[in-house]
Amino acid sequence: MTKNVNVRFPDDVHKAAVAAAAADDRSLNSWLVAVVRRATETRKDTGGASPTRG
């Protein structure tokens, strides 16, 4: 099952994400799913600590 989520990015973040996805030969959606999945799995591995905000 999938869910649709609308996310707003600043132009520079969107441009960087599109470039990163293309470099990984993925669609932006597929790349974002992989990034979020990795971040949430890392959070589980660290005992629920939040990722550093920057």
PDB file of N, CA and C in Angstrom:
ATOM      1  N   MET A   1       0.843  -1.167   0.000  1.00  0.00           N
ATOM      2  CA  MET A   1       0.000   0.000   0.000  1.00  0.00           C
ATOM      3  C   MET A   1       0.895   1.239   0.000  1.00  0.00           C
ATOM      4  N   THR A   2       0.472   2.268  -0.693  1.00  0.00           N
ATOM      5  CA  THR A   2       1.217   3.527  -0.718  1.00  0.00           C
ATOM      6  C   THR A   2       0.312   4.659  -0.280  1.00  0.00           C
ATOM      7  N   LYS A   3       0.912   5.748   0.121  1.00  0.00           N
ATOM      8  CA  LYS A   3       0.203   6.971   0.509  1.00  0.00           C
ATOM      9  C   LYS A   3       0.757   8.119  -0.316  1.00  0.00           C
ATOM     10  N   ASN A   4      -0.107   9.041  -0.689  1.00  0.00           N
ATOM     11  CA  ASN A   4       0.325  10.259  -1.362  1.00  0.00           C
ATOM     12  C   ASN A   4       0.581  11.324  -0.312  1.00  0.00           C
ATOM     13  N   VAL A   5       1.728  11.984  -0.412  1.00  0.00           N
ATOM     14  CA  VAL A   5       2.107  13.030   0.533  1.00  0.00           C
ATOM     15  C   VAL A   5       2.609  14.225  -0.266  1.00  0.00           C
ATOM     16  N   ASN A   6       2.074  15.390   0.017  1.00  0.00           N
ATOM     17  CA  ASN A   6       2.561  16.610  -0.624  1.00  0.00           C
ATOM     18  C   ASN A   6       3.617  17.234   0.272  1.00  0.00           C
ATOM     19  N   VAL A   7       4.774  17.498  -0.300  1.00  0.00           N
ATOM     20  CA  VAL A   7       5.883  18.089   0.442  1.00  0.00           C
ATOM     21  C   VAL A   7       6.370  19.309  -0.324  1.00  0.00           C
ATOM     22  N   ARG A   8       6.601  20.404   0.406  1.00  0.00           N
ATOM     23  CA  ARG A   8       7.113  21.621  -0.230  1.00  0.00           C
ATOM     24  C   ARG A   8       8.592  21.764   0.106  1.00  0.00           C
ATOM     25  N   PHE A   9       9.400  21.947  -0.935  1.00  0.00           N
ATOM     26  CA  PHE A   9      10.838  22.119  -0.780  1.00  0.00           C
ATOM     27  C   PHE A   9      11.235  23.502  -1.286  1.00  0.00           C
ATOM     28  N   PRO A  10      12.224  24.122  -0.663  1.00  0.00           N
ATOM     29  CA  PRO A  10      12.806  25.322  -1.273  1.00  0.00           C
ATOM     30  C   PRO A  10      13.393  24.936  -2.637  1.00  0.00           C
ATOM     31  N   ASP A  11      13.454  25.887  -3.552  1.00  0.00           N
ATOM     32  CA  ASP A  11      13.935  25.604  -4.909  1.00  0.00           C
ATOM     33  C   ASP A  11      15.308  24.947  -4.919  1.00  0.00           C
ATOM     34  N   ASP A  12      16.225  25.423  -4.072  1.00  0.00           N
ATOM     35  CA  ASP A  12      17.577  24.868  -4.081  1.00  0.00           C
ATOM     36  C   ASP A  12      17.606  23.421  -3.593  1.00  0.00           C
ATOM     37  N   VAL A  13      16.771  23.086  -2.626  1.00  0.00           N
ATOM     38  CA  VAL A  13      16.703  21.713  -2.114  1.00  0.00           C
ATOM     39  C   VAL A  13      16.101  20.798  -3.176  1.00  0.00           C
ATOM     40  N   HIS A  14      15.065  21.270  -3.851  1.00  0.00           N
ATOM     41  CA  HIS A  14      14.440  20.487  -4.920  1.00  0.00           C
ATOM     42  C   HIS A  14      15.446  20.207  -6.033  1.00  0.00           C
ATOM     43  N   LYS A  15      16.169  21.243  -6.439  1.00  0.00           N
ATOM     44  CA  LYS A  15      17.162  21.087  -7.506  1.00  0.00           C
ATOM     45  C   LYS A  15      18.230  20.066  -7.105  1.00  0.00           C
ATOM     46  N   ALA A  16      18.700  20.137  -5.866  1.00  0.00           N
ATOM     47  CA  ALA A  16      19.720  19.199  -5.385  1.00  0.00           C
ATOM     48  C   ALA A  16      19.167  17.777  -5.318  1.00  0.00           C
ATOM     49  N   ALA A  17      17.918  17.628  -4.891  1.00  0.00           N
ATOM     50  CA  ALA A  17      17.302  16.302  -4.796  1.00  0.00           C
ATOM     51  C   ALA A  17      17.104  15.699  -6.183  1.00  0.00           C
ATOM     52  N   VAL A  18      16.666  16.494  -7.131  1.00  0.00           N
ATOM     53  CA  VAL A  18      16.492  16.016  -8.509  1.00  0.00           C
ATOM     54  C   VAL A  18      17.841  15.564  -9.074  1.00  0.00           C
ATOM     55  N   ALA A  19      18.887  16.338  -8.819  1.00  0.00           N
ATOM     56  CA  ALA A  19      20.221  15.977  -9.306  1.00  0.00           C
ATOM     57  C   ALA A  19      20.718  14.689  -8.644  1.00  0.00           C
ATOM     58  N   ALA A  20      20.496  14.559  -7.341  1.00  0.00           N
ATOM     59  CA  ALA A  20      20.927  13.355  -6.624  1.00  0.00           C
ATOM     60  C   ALA A  20      20.176  12.129  -7.136  1.00  0.00           C
ATOM     61  N   ALA A  21      18.884  12.282  -7.381  1.00  0.00           N
ATOM     62  CA  ALA A  21      18.085  11.171  -7.902  1.00  0.00           C
ATOM     63  C   ALA A  21      18.578  10.766  -9.290  1.00  0.00           C
ATOM     64  N   ALA A  22      18.847  11.739 -10.132  1.00  0.00           N
ATOM     65  CA  ALA A  22      19.333  11.446 -11.482  1.00  0.00           C
ATOM     66  C   ALA A  22      20.695  10.756 -11.434  1.00  0.00           C
ATOM     67  N   ALA A  23      21.559  11.200 -10.530  1.00  0.00           N
ATOM     68  CA  ALA A  23      22.887  10.588 -10.397  1.00  0.00           C
ATOM     69  C   ALA A  23      22.782   9.141  -9.930  1.00  0.00           C
ATOM     70  N   ASP A  24      21.710   8.838  -9.204  1.00  0.00           N
ATOM     71  CA  ASP A  24      21.470   7.479  -8.703  1.00  0.00           C
ATOM     72  C   ASP A  24      20.592   6.678  -9.666  1.00  0.00           C
ATOM     73  N   ASP A  25      20.281   7.282 -10.833  1.00  0.00           N
ATOM     74  CA  ASP A  25      19.439   6.663 -11.862  1.00  0.00           C
ATOM     75  C   ASP A  25      18.084   6.246 -11.299  1.00  0.00           C
ATOM     76  N   ARG A  26      17.472   7.154 -10.517  1.00  0.00           N
ATOM     77  CA  ARG A  26      16.152   6.913  -9.921  1.00  0.00           C
ATOM     78  C   ARG A  26      15.238   8.092 -10.222  1.00  0.00           C
ATOM     79  N   SER A  27      13.946   7.846 -10.089  1.00  0.00           N
ATOM     80  CA  SER A  27      13.002   8.958 -10.122  1.00  0.00           C
ATOM     81  C   SER A  27      13.142   9.707  -8.803  1.00  0.00           C
ATOM     82  N   LEU A  28      12.673  10.938  -8.772  1.00  0.00           N
ATOM     83  CA  LEU A  28      12.713  11.706  -7.530  1.00  0.00           C
ATOM     84  C   LEU A  28      11.921  10.985  -6.450  1.00  0.00           C
ATOM     85  N   ASN A  29      10.759  10.443  -6.797  1.00  0.00           N
ATOM     86  CA  ASN A  29       9.941   9.725  -5.821  1.00  0.00           C
ATOM     87  C   ASN A  29      10.688   8.527  -5.242  1.00  0.00           C
ATOM     88  N   SER A  30      11.267   7.718  -6.112  1.00  0.00           N
ATOM     89  CA  SER A  30      11.998   6.536  -5.654  1.00  0.00           C
ATOM     90  C   SER A  30      13.180   6.931  -4.774  1.00  0.00           C
ATOM     91  N   TRP A  31      13.881   7.983  -5.150  1.00  0.00           N
ATOM     92  CA  TRP A  31      15.028   8.447  -4.374  1.00  0.00           C
ATOM     93  C   TRP A  31      14.585   8.940  -2.997  1.00  0.00           C
ATOM     94  N   LEU A  32      13.493   9.707  -2.953  1.00  0.00           N
ATOM     95  CA  LEU A  32      12.990  10.204  -1.668  1.00  0.00           C
ATOM     96  C   LEU A  32      12.539   9.065  -0.762  1.00  0.00           C
ATOM     97  N   VAL A  33      11.876   8.056  -1.320  1.00  0.00           N
ATOM     98  CA  VAL A  33      11.465   6.895  -0.522  1.00  0.00           C
ATOM     99  C   VAL A  33      12.700   6.230   0.081  1.00  0.00           C
ATOM    100  N   ALA A  34      13.749   6.049  -0.721  1.00  0.00           N
ATOM    101  CA  ALA A  34      14.974   5.417  -0.219  1.00  0.00           C
ATOM    102  C   ALA A  34      15.618   6.253   0.883  1.00  0.00           C
ATOM    103  N   VAL A  35      15.650   7.562   0.712  1.00  0.00           N
ATOM    104  CA  VAL A  35      16.254   8.452   1.715  1.00  0.00           C
ATOM    105  C   VAL A  35      15.466   8.412   3.018  1.00  0.00           C
ATOM    106  N   VAL A  36      14.151   8.483   2.928  1.00  0.00           N
ATOM    107  CA  VAL A  36      13.317   8.447   4.138  1.00  0.00           C
ATOM    108  C   VAL A  36      13.412   7.079   4.800  1.00  0.00           C
ATOM    109  N   ARG A  37      13.403   6.030   3.999  1.00  0.00           N
ATOM    110  CA  ARG A  37      13.531   4.678   4.563  1.00  0.00           C
ATOM    111  C   ARG A  37      14.851   4.539   5.322  1.00  0.00           C
ATOM    112  N   ARG A  38      15.947   4.997   4.711  1.00  0.00           N
ATOM    113  CA  ARG A  38      17.255   4.928   5.367  1.00  0.00           C
ATOM    114  C   ARG A  38      17.264   5.736   6.661  1.00  0.00           C
ATOM    115  N   ALA A  39      16.675   6.918   6.637  1.00  0.00           N
ATOM    116  CA  ALA A  39      16.645   7.776   7.825  1.00  0.00           C
ATOM    117  C   ALA A  39      15.830   7.151   8.947  1.00  0.00           C
ATOM    118  N   THR A  40      14.711   6.532   8.610  1.00  0.00           N
ATOM    119  CA  THR A  40      13.883   5.935   9.658  1.00  0.00           C
ATOM    120  C   THR A  40      14.500   4.653  10.184  1.00  0.00           C
ATOM    121  N   GLU A  41      15.201   3.902   9.339  1.00  0.00           N
ATOM    122  CA  GLU A  41      15.894   2.701   9.817  1.00  0.00           C
ATOM    123  C   GLU A  41      17.066   3.083  10.706  1.00  0.00           C
ATOM    124  N   THR A  42      17.770   4.148  10.355  1.00  0.00           N
ATOM    125  CA  THR A  42      18.874   4.637  11.179  1.00  0.00           C
ATOM    126  C   THR A  42      18.352   5.078  12.531  1.00  0.00           C
ATOM    127  N   ARG A  43      17.205   5.702  12.535  1.00  0.00           N
ATOM    128  CA  ARG A  43      16.613   6.162  13.792  1.00  0.00           C
ATOM    129  C   ARG A  43      16.301   4.972  14.697  1.00  0.00           C
ATOM    130  N   LYS A  44      15.781   3.896  14.116  1.00  0.00           N
ATOM    131  CA  LYS A  44      15.510   2.681  14.896  1.00  0.00           C
ATOM    132  C   LYS A  44      16.804   2.131  15.481  1.00  0.00           C
ATOM    133  N   ASP A  45      17.869   2.142  14.665  1.00  0.00           N
ATOM    134  CA  ASP A  45      19.161   1.598  15.093  1.00  0.00           C
ATOM    135  C   ASP A  45      19.796   2.409  16.216  1.00  0.00           C
ATOM    136  N   THR A  46      19.445   3.691  16.317  1.00  0.00           N
ATOM    137  CA  THR A  46      20.049   4.550  17.340  1.00  0.00           C
ATOM    138  C   THR A  46      19.140   4.704  18.547  1.00  0.00           C
ATOM    139  N   GLY A  47      18.146   3.863  18.657  1.00  0.00           N
ATOM    140  CA  GLY A  47      17.264   3.915  19.816  1.00  0.00           C
ATOM    141  C   GLY A  47      16.245   5.033  19.772  1.00  0.00           C
ATOM    142  N   GLY A  48      15.923   5.515  18.581  1.00  0.00           N
ATOM    143  CA  GLY A  48      14.886   6.527  18.440  1.00  0.00           C
ATOM    144  C   GLY A  48      15.390   7.953  18.474  1.00  0.00           C
ATOM    145  N   ALA A  49      16.703   8.156  18.500  1.00  0.00           N
ATOM    146  CA  ALA A  49      17.237   9.514  18.505  1.00  0.00           C
ATOM    147  C   ALA A  49      16.891  10.206  17.193  1.00  0.00           C
ATOM    148  N   SER A  50      16.518  11.467  17.277  1.00  0.00           N
ATOM    149  CA  SER A  50      16.180  12.230  16.088  1.00  0.00           C
ATOM    150  C   SER A  50      17.432  12.566  15.303  1.00  0.00           C
ATOM    151  N   PRO A  51      17.320  12.601  13.969  1.00  0.00           N
ATOM    152  CA  PRO A  51      18.468  13.016  13.170  1.00  0.00           C
ATOM    153  C   PRO A  51      18.822  14.466  13.487  1.00  0.00           C
ATOM    154  N   THR A  52      20.068  14.833  13.278  1.00  0.00           N
ATOM    155  CA  THR A  52      20.511  16.198  13.530  1.00  0.00           C
ATOM    156  C   THR A  52      19.827  17.136  12.556  1.00  0.00           C
ATOM    157  N   ARG A  53      19.333  18.246  13.071  1.00  0.00           N
ATOM    158  CA  ARG A  53      18.718  19.257  12.214  1.00  0.00           C
ATOM    159  C   ARG A  53      19.783  20.268  11.830  1.00  0.00           C
ATOM    160  N   GLY A  54      19.696  20.740  10.588  1.00  0.00           N
ATOM    161  CA  GLY A  54      20.732  21.670  10.156  1.00  0.00           C
ATOM    162  C   GLY A  54      20.239  22.840   9.441  1.00  0.00           C
TER     163      GLY A  54
END
